[in-house]
Amino acid sequence: MDSSTKILEFVNQAQSIVITSHKSPDGDSIGSSLALYHILKKWGRNVQLVHPDPAPSFLHWVVGQEQIIDFETKHEQAVAAIQKADLIFCLDYNHPSRVGDQMQPFLVESTANKVMIDHHLHPADFCQVVISESTACSTCELIYNWIKDVNRLDDIDETSGACIYLGIMTDTGSFRFPSVSATTHEILADLIRRGVKHYLIHEAVYDTNTVDRIKLRGFALSEKLVCLNDIQVAYAFISEKELEKYNYQKGDTEGLVNQILGIQGIKMAVLFVEKDGKVKISFRSKGDYFVNELANAHFEGGGHAYASGGISTESLEKTVEKFVTFVKDFIPKA
């Protein structure tokens, strides 16, 4: 029995299904979770969404977002849902640590069948059924493919289709990354035929800037941007005090690293953001610059060749200094 058929068998047998995704939700984690949620509800299944923390405000428009039980603010409800579940979907992550320290023990200790659908490298062995394809542009693309494999494409409507479109759009940088294939565009075309209004999704995600958010981005790009032109690398760093100065809200730095990558001649862009005693690092690249190797080697991270994340418990200054010291080791040799 192939993985797609086995997942459908699990779904049909389950009495209580929980959909989980990674900490610090993004468009693909929210999109894949809600797309699957809407499909399973249409099939008459008992399903709940449990995420480690709330989604940023620019994703609150997604239909069904209010149904997400986040572990951070609804701890008891989230624990009860996980403990009751006999099937847990693990979407857009491939290691239990990605749900965060608080939620991880409950996920690991659950005796429910677990299904992983993900597109990151090096999946851990903690699920009974795994669909792991690192060549896929997004988990949403894999959700679409699974629905297609089980011959239920006609169950995708405008609502679930918009969720899939959201994940593909955001995880490909609006279709700019090499992971986008002809098949990806065929999926997008099918979603539009099914009623998805693609232009409204772009507006909902990208046309929601507040004055403070614009000022923060302007400050970061004008005052905190460093270009290492000799190695075609650029980075910016923002302290917690600077975030507070501009009334930071979750999601305000989303996409900023892509703007840095857009600088002419730059092939690697990095954004360092200090928050809650840690430094969150976003890596983006193109061409023959592979940021996942750098993130994994020095910043407890990883991800895709051209889009990765990392974390540092050192100070912002020491973290940036460490990056500058090691980045040249990961630059392609002429």
Foldseek 3Di string as FASTA:
>chain_A
DALLVVVVVLLVPWQAEEEEEFPADDLQSQLLRVLVVLLSVVVVHHYAYEAQDQYFPLPPVQPPSVRYHHCVPNVVVNLVSLQPTQEYEYEADQDLCRRDDVCSVSNQPHPHAYEYQHQWPDHDPRHPGYDYHVLALGSLVVSCVSCVVVPNNVSDAQRSLLSSLRGNCQSCVRVPDPSDDPVNVVSVVVSVVRPHDNVVSCCSNPVPDDPLLVVLLVCQVPPFKDAPLVLQEIEGEDEPVSCVVSPHGRPSCPCSQVVVCPPPSHFKYKYWYHDDQKTKMKIAGDDQQFCQVVQVPPFVKGTGRGIIIGMGNDDRVVVVVVCVVCVVVRGDDD
